[in-house]
Amino acid sequence: MPSLLFHTAEDLLGDALIKLPSILALKQARPDVHLVWSAGRGGSVYANVLRPLVEGVIDEVHHQTGLGTRWSQVMRPFWPRRFDGIIASERRLLPTLALRRLAHDTFIAPMGDFRFSTHIPGAGFVHEPLHKQIQTLFELAVGTPLNPAHELPIPTRYTRLAQELLPTGPCYVGLAPGAGGKDKCWPLENFIDVALAQLAAGRNPVFFLGPAERDWLEPLRAAVPAALFPESDPRAELRGPLLAIALASRLTLGLANDSGAGHLLAAGGKPLVALFGRTNPTKFAPPYGERIVIRAADLGVMAVDEIPIDHVQRVMENALG
């Protein structure tokens, strides 16, 4: 069985969801490949919260390995094992050279326009968006075209619970007001106003809150008593990203900042209005469903918190038909 090592710095939730369709497509096209996953500097959500989606797909997950973090690894191989193929996905010199030092037949690395690679992509290759780059790296490594699907195999226990929490019939509009940093957050009061407008239009606003936004739960319930918070429902005996994705698949439309929660809503496969300030909306574009980007600079402002609420409301109404 051919072995393939894929190395990255770390797998945060949003990045991992972006890579996932190509990983699943690789295993579908080449079930004979023994896929080894390595995260050098940080952890990997494939080892925990997303593990059910990669069982039998990623054969080994090694995280916080330290591979690609020390120059001594360029002189002495980090692992004694040999791989048929290696993908060094970071575009940095040290991890590229450290991985190249491992025993291998095929070596794929985008660093330096693929100058260290056994194979290079065609003239039409672009580094962005990330999901396209990951697909190309796998195709170069195994020599097989991939056809990534845009629907994730969420376990039935999550989809059944999501249907119980958000029953068929009403129009659900998802709202994810959090983000990894305050500079990525549209004002919370704007999300509240959007929720109230959706109620007035006969739709059901559904809030998605991450661990860092738990303190917002009661203020939001007080401001929008009729809003839904399914992840906090007593019936939600399951928790985490897989439930969020299953719930997102029940939505008609989502609204989110540039955040991990935004990637979860996108992974549900339904249209998503995504709010961006100074960050690049192309690089980490999700490979799922339709995304409608509202970028501050396109409206003559600099920060996401300056995006006018009336503009967001119009875009949402157009998307809702």
Protein backbone atom coordinates (compact mmCIF):
# COMPACT_ATOMS: atom_id res chain seq x y z
CA MET A 1 0.00 0.00 0.00
CA PRO A 2 1.55 3.35 -1.01
CA SER A 3 2.12 5.69 1.93
CA LEU A 4 1.56 9.43 1.68
CA LEU A 5 2.60 11.95 4.32
CA PHE A 6 0.80 15.31 4.39
CA HIS A 7 2.44 17.88 6.64
CA THR A 8 1.03 21.20 7.81
CA ALA A 9 1.76 23.63 10.64
CA GLU A 10 -1.55 22.99 12.44
CA ASP A 11 -5.20 22.29 11.71
CA LEU A 12 -7.57 24.87 13.12
CA LEU A 13 -11.26 24.26 12.54
CA GLY A 14 -11.71 26.58 9.54
CA ASP A 15 -8.56 25.37 7.75
CA ALA A 16 -9.44 21.73 8.38
CA LEU A 17 -12.95 22.15 6.94
CA ILE A 18 -11.41 23.73 3.83
CA LYS A 19 -9.05 20.78 3.32
CA LEU A 20 -11.60 18.07 4.10
CA PRO A 21 -13.31 17.66 0.69
CA SER A 22 -9.95 17.02 -1.00
CA ILE A 23 -8.98 14.52 1.69
CA LEU A 24 -12.24 12.62 1.23
CA ALA A 25 -11.85 12.76 -2.56
CA LEU A 26 -8.31 11.38 -2.31
CA LYS A 27 -9.47 8.34 -0.37
CA GLN A 28 -12.36 7.79 -2.78
CA ALA A 29 -10.09 7.96 -5.84
CA ARG A 30 -7.18 6.08 -4.26
CA PRO A 31 -8.41 3.83 -1.42
CA ASP A 32 -5.05 2.03 -1.57
CA VAL A 33 -3.20 5.08 -0.20
CA HIS A 34 -2.17 4.97 3.46
CA LEU A 35 -2.57 8.63 4.45
CA VAL A 36 -0.40 9.92 7.31
CA TRP A 37 -1.22 13.39 8.65
CA SER A 38 1.33 15.50 10.51
CA ALA A 39 0.85 18.87 12.22
CA GLY A 40 4.23 20.21 13.24
CA ARG A 41 3.76 23.28 15.42
CA GLY A 42 0.20 22.88 16.71
CA GLY A 43 -2.70 20.51 17.11
CA SER A 44 -5.06 18.98 14.60
CA VAL A 45 -8.84 18.90 14.90
CA TYR A 46 -8.72 15.71 12.82
CA ALA A 47 -7.53 14.06 16.02
CA ASN A 48 -10.54 15.18 18.05
CA VAL A 49 -13.65 17.20 17.06
CA LEU A 50 -13.53 16.27 13.34
CA ARG A 51 -12.27 12.75 13.91
CA PRO A 52 -15.62 11.08 12.98
CA LEU A 53 -15.33 12.58 9.49
CA VAL A 54 -11.85 11.17 8.79
CA GLU A 55 -12.04 7.73 10.40
CA GLY A 56 -10.92 5.26 7.76
CA VAL A 57 -9.79 8.17 5.59
CA ILE A 58 -6.76 9.56 7.43
CA ASP A 59 -4.98 6.44 8.64
CA GLU A 60 -2.64 8.16 11.11
CA VAL A 61 -2.81 11.60 12.75
CA HIS A 62 0.29 12.97 14.46
CA HIS A 63 0.04 16.47 15.89
CA GLN A 64 2.43 18.79 17.68
CA THR A 65 5.19 16.63 16.24
CA GLY A 66 7.82 19.37 16.01
CA LEU A 67 8.58 18.26 12.44
CA GLY A 68 9.73 21.23 10.40
CA THR A 69 10.51 23.41 13.41
CA ARG A 70 14.29 22.92 13.88
CA TRP A 71 17.17 23.39 11.47
CA SER A 72 18.85 20.26 12.86
CA GLN A 73 16.14 18.26 11.07
CA VAL A 74 17.62 19.37 7.76
CA MET A 75 20.83 17.54 8.64
CA ARG A 76 19.30 14.50 10.35
CA PRO A 77 15.91 13.02 9.35
CA PHE A 78 13.16 13.57 11.90
CA TRP A 79 11.56 10.17 11.20
CA PRO A 80 13.39 6.99 10.24
CA ARG A 81 10.37 5.73 8.29
CA ARG A 82 10.08 5.97 4.53
CA PHE A 83 7.12 7.38 2.56
CA ASP A 84 6.20 6.79 -1.07
CA GLY A 85 5.01 10.40 -1.26
CA ILE A 86 5.41 13.51 0.89
CA ILE A 87 3.43 16.76 0.68
CA ALA A 88 5.05 19.71 2.44
CA SER A 89 2.11 22.12 2.33
CA GLU A 90 3.74 25.07 4.12
CA ARG A 91 5.35 27.64 1.85
CA ARG A 92 8.30 28.06 4.23
CA LEU A 93 11.91 27.01 3.70
CA LEU A 94 12.62 25.20 7.00
CA PRO A 95 9.69 22.73 6.97
CA THR A 96 10.18 22.15 3.24
CA LEU A 97 13.85 21.19 3.68
CA ALA A 98 13.18 19.14 6.83
CA LEU A 99 10.49 17.12 5.07
CA ARG A 100 12.61 16.71 1.96
CA ARG A 101 15.23 15.07 4.18
CA LEU A 102 12.84 12.16 4.91
CA ALA A 103 13.15 9.08 2.70
CA HIS A 104 10.67 9.28 -0.19
CA ASP A 105 10.02 8.69 -3.89
CA THR A 106 7.80 11.70 -4.64
CA PHE A 107 8.06 15.10 -2.97
CA ILE A 108 5.50 17.87 -3.48
CA ALA A 109 5.99 21.36 -2.03
CA PRO A 110 4.55 24.72 -3.18
CA MET A 111 7.40 26.68 -1.57
CA GLY A 112 9.45 28.68 -4.10
CA ASP A 113 7.04 27.98 -6.96
CA PHE A 114 7.54 24.21 -6.59
CA ARG A 115 11.29 24.34 -7.22
CA PHE A 116 11.85 21.47 -4.75
CA SER A 117 9.02 19.30 -6.12
CA THR A 118 9.24 16.06 -8.04
CA HIS A 119 6.21 17.23 -10.06
CA ILE A 120 4.93 20.74 -10.71
CA PRO A 121 1.42 21.94 -11.59
CA GLY A 122 0.38 23.28 -14.97
CA ALA A 123 0.46 26.91 -15.99
CA GLY A 124 -3.07 27.55 -14.68
CA PHE A 125 -2.19 26.80 -11.05
CA VAL A 126 -2.99 29.48 -8.46
CA HIS A 127 -2.13 29.45 -4.73
CA GLU A 128 -5.59 30.75 -3.79
CA PRO A 129 -8.12 29.66 -2.73
CA LEU A 130 -6.61 27.16 -0.32
CA HIS A 131 -9.03 24.33 -1.15
CA LYS A 132 -7.92 24.41 -4.80
CA GLN A 133 -4.26 24.34 -3.77
CA ILE A 134 -4.81 21.33 -1.50
CA GLN A 135 -6.57 19.45 -4.29
CA THR A 136 -3.67 20.17 -6.66
CA LEU A 137 -1.07 18.99 -4.12
CA PHE A 138 -2.86 15.66 -3.69
CA GLU A 139 -3.26 15.21 -7.44
CA LEU A 140 0.44 15.85 -8.02
CA ALA A 141 1.39 13.39 -5.27
CA VAL A 142 -0.75 10.44 -6.43
CA GLY A 143 -1.07 11.22 -10.14
CA THR A 144 -4.85 10.89 -10.06
CA PRO A 145 -7.50 13.59 -10.75
CA LEU A 146 -9.78 14.25 -7.78
CA ASN A 147 -13.42 15.24 -7.75
CA PRO A 148 -14.15 16.70 -4.30
CA ALA A 149 -17.77 16.52 -3.16
CA HIS A 150 -19.27 19.56 -1.46
CA GLU A 151 -21.37 17.67 1.05
CA LEU A 152 -19.86 16.25 4.22
CA PRO A 153 -20.79 12.79 5.56
CA ILE A 154 -22.19 13.99 8.89
CA PRO A 155 -23.08 11.01 11.12
CA THR A 156 -26.80 10.24 11.28
CA ARG A 157 -27.06 10.85 15.02
CA TYR A 158 -26.20 14.52 14.40
CA THR A 159 -28.52 15.02 11.43
CA ARG A 160 -31.44 13.44 13.32
CA LEU A 161 -30.85 15.70 16.31
CA ALA A 162 -30.61 18.74 14.05
CA GLN A 163 -33.95 17.87 12.50
CA GLU A 164 -35.50 17.60 15.95
CA LEU A 165 -34.06 20.97 17.02
CA LEU A 166 -34.94 22.72 13.73
CA PRO A 167 -37.99 20.89 12.34
CA THR A 168 -38.96 21.09 8.70
CA GLY A 169 -41.34 23.93 7.82
CA PRO A 170 -40.12 27.31 9.10
CA CYS A 171 -37.55 29.44 7.30
CA TYR A 172 -34.41 29.49 9.44
CA VAL A 173 -31.78 32.24 9.14
CA GLY A 174 -28.48 31.48 10.89
CA LEU A 175 -26.51 34.19 12.68
CA ALA A 176 -22.92 33.66 13.86
CA PRO A 177 -21.78 36.89 15.55
CA GLY A 178 -18.44 35.66 16.92
CA ALA A 179 -14.91 35.59 15.50
CA GLY A 180 -11.36 34.90 16.60
CA GLY A 181 -10.63 38.59 17.14
CA LYS A 182 -12.66 41.72 17.80
CA ASP A 183 -11.30 43.28 14.61
CA LYS A 184 -13.23 40.62 12.65
CA CYS A 185 -16.54 41.18 14.45
CA TRP A 186 -19.49 43.12 13.08
CA PRO A 187 -21.19 44.78 16.08
CA LEU A 188 -23.33 42.45 18.15
CA GLU A 189 -26.16 45.00 18.19
CA ASN A 190 -26.26 44.75 14.39
CA PHE A 191 -26.81 41.00 14.60
CA ILE A 192 -29.60 41.68 17.09
CA ASP A 193 -31.24 44.14 14.69
CA VAL A 194 -30.93 41.60 11.86
CA ALA A 195 -32.57 38.95 14.07
CA LEU A 196 -35.46 41.27 14.91
CA ALA A 197 -35.92 42.11 11.22
CA GLN A 198 -36.05 38.41 10.35
CA LEU A 199 -38.72 37.84 12.98
CA ALA A 200 -40.74 40.74 11.58
CA ALA A 201 -40.51 39.09 8.15
CA GLY A 202 -41.87 35.80 9.50
CA ARG A 203 -38.53 33.98 9.61
CA ASN A 204 -36.80 32.28 12.53
CA PRO A 205 -33.38 33.67 13.54
CA VAL A 206 -31.01 30.95 14.79
CA PHE A 207 -27.92 31.99 16.74
CA PHE A 208 -24.67 30.00 16.65
CA LEU A 209 -22.30 30.79 19.52
CA GLY A 210 -18.84 29.37 20.03
CA PRO A 211 -17.12 28.69 23.36
CA ALA A 212 -15.75 32.25 23.45
CA GLU A 213 -19.24 33.74 23.06
CA ARG A 214 -21.04 31.88 25.86
CA ASP A 215 -21.41 35.14 27.81
CA TRP A 216 -23.53 36.48 24.94
CA LEU A 217 -26.22 33.82 25.33
CA GLU A 218 -28.36 35.46 28.02
CA PRO A 219 -28.05 39.04 26.64
CA LEU A 220 -29.11 37.76 23.22
CA ARG A 221 -32.03 35.85 24.67
CA ALA A 222 -33.12 38.99 26.49
CA ALA A 223 -32.80 41.14 23.34
CA VAL A 224 -34.46 38.61 20.98
CA PRO A 225 -36.68 36.33 23.10
CA ALA A 226 -38.11 34.53 20.07
CA ALA A 227 -34.71 33.64 18.61
CA LEU A 228 -33.53 30.03 18.61
CA PHE A 229 -30.34 28.77 20.28
CA PRO A 230 -30.40 25.08 19.33
CA GLU A 231 -26.88 24.29 20.56
CA SER A 232 -28.00 25.31 24.06
CA ASP A 233 -31.29 23.41 23.88
CA PRO A 234 -31.69 20.82 26.69
CA ARG A 235 -32.41 18.21 23.98
CA ALA A 236 -28.97 18.77 22.42
CA GLU A 237 -27.18 15.88 24.09
CA LEU A 238 -24.55 16.12 21.35
CA ARG A 239 -22.34 19.18 21.05
CA GLY A 240 -19.58 20.57 18.87
CA PRO A 241 -18.80 21.28 15.21
CA LEU A 242 -20.63 18.28 13.76
CA LEU A 243 -23.90 19.35 15.34
CA ALA A 244 -23.32 22.92 14.15
CA ILE A 245 -22.82 21.70 10.56
CA ALA A 246 -25.93 19.51 10.76
CA LEU A 247 -27.93 22.47 12.08
CA ALA A 248 -26.50 24.73 9.35
CA SER A 249 -27.82 22.33 6.72
CA ARG A 250 -31.34 23.16 8.00
CA LEU A 251 -30.94 26.89 7.31
CA THR A 252 -32.19 28.87 4.35
CA LEU A 253 -29.42 31.47 4.72
CA GLY A 254 -26.57 32.25 7.09
CA LEU A 255 -24.80 35.45 8.16
CA ALA A 256 -21.33 35.29 9.71
CA ASN A 257 -18.08 37.12 10.25
CA ASP A 258 -14.78 35.86 8.87
CA SER A 259 -14.53 33.10 11.47
CA GLY A 260 -14.51 29.40 12.26
CA ALA A 261 -18.26 29.64 12.87
CA GLY A 262 -18.63 31.03 9.37
CA HIS A 263 -16.88 27.94 8.01
CA LEU A 264 -19.25 25.73 10.00
CA LEU A 265 -22.28 27.49 8.50
CA ALA A 266 -20.76 27.22 5.02
CA ALA A 267 -20.12 23.48 5.53
CA GLY A 268 -23.88 23.05 5.92
CA GLY A 269 -24.07 23.71 2.20
CA LYS A 270 -26.58 26.58 2.28
CA PRO A 271 -25.96 30.16 1.06
CA LEU A 272 -23.86 32.27 3.41
CA VAL A 273 -23.44 36.04 3.63
CA ALA A 274 -19.86 36.56 4.87
CA LEU A 275 -18.62 39.84 6.36
CA PHE A 276 -14.98 40.86 5.81
CA GLY A 277 -12.89 43.78 6.99
CA ARG A 278 -9.18 43.79 6.22
CA THR A 279 -8.76 40.04 5.70
CA ASN A 280 -8.59 38.32 2.31
CA PRO A 281 -11.95 36.75 1.37
CA THR A 282 -10.41 34.64 -1.40
CA LYS A 283 -7.58 32.74 0.31
CA PHE A 284 -9.76 30.83 2.78
CA ALA A 285 -12.95 30.65 0.73
CA PRO A 286 -14.93 27.55 1.80
CA PRO A 287 -15.50 24.82 -0.81
CA TYR A 288 -19.15 24.45 0.16
CA GLY A 289 -22.33 26.04 -1.13
CA GLU A 290 -22.81 29.65 -2.23
CA ARG A 291 -20.96 32.43 -0.44
CA ILE A 292 -21.95 36.10 -0.81
CA VAL A 293 -19.07 38.28 0.33
CA ILE A 294 -19.58 41.75 1.78
CA ARG A 295 -16.17 43.41 2.04
CA ALA A 296 -15.67 46.68 3.89
CA ALA A 297 -13.29 48.13 1.29
CA ASP A 298 -15.86 47.60 -1.48
CA LEU A 299 -18.21 49.90 0.44
CA GLY A 300 -15.65 52.65 0.98
CA VAL A 301 -14.90 51.78 4.62
CA MET A 302 -11.92 50.04 6.22
CA ALA A 303 -13.19 47.86 9.08
CA VAL A 304 -15.89 45.23 9.32
CA ASP A 305 -17.67 47.13 12.11
CA GLU A 306 -18.20 50.01 9.66
CA ILE A 307 -20.21 47.92 7.19
CA PRO A 308 -23.69 49.54 7.10
CA ILE A 309 -26.49 47.40 8.46
CA ASP A 310 -28.92 48.52 5.77
CA HIS A 311 -26.56 47.18 3.09
CA VAL A 312 -26.34 43.81 4.85
CA GLN A 313 -30.12 43.70 5.20
CA ARG A 314 -30.58 44.35 1.47
CA VAL A 315 -28.11 41.65 0.50
CA MET A 316 -29.85 39.18 2.77
CA GLU A 317 -33.31 40.01 1.47
CA ASN A 318 -32.09 39.55 -2.12
CA ALA A 319 -30.60 36.17 -1.20
CA LEU A 320 -33.79 35.10 0.57
CA GLY A 321 -35.82 36.00 -2.49
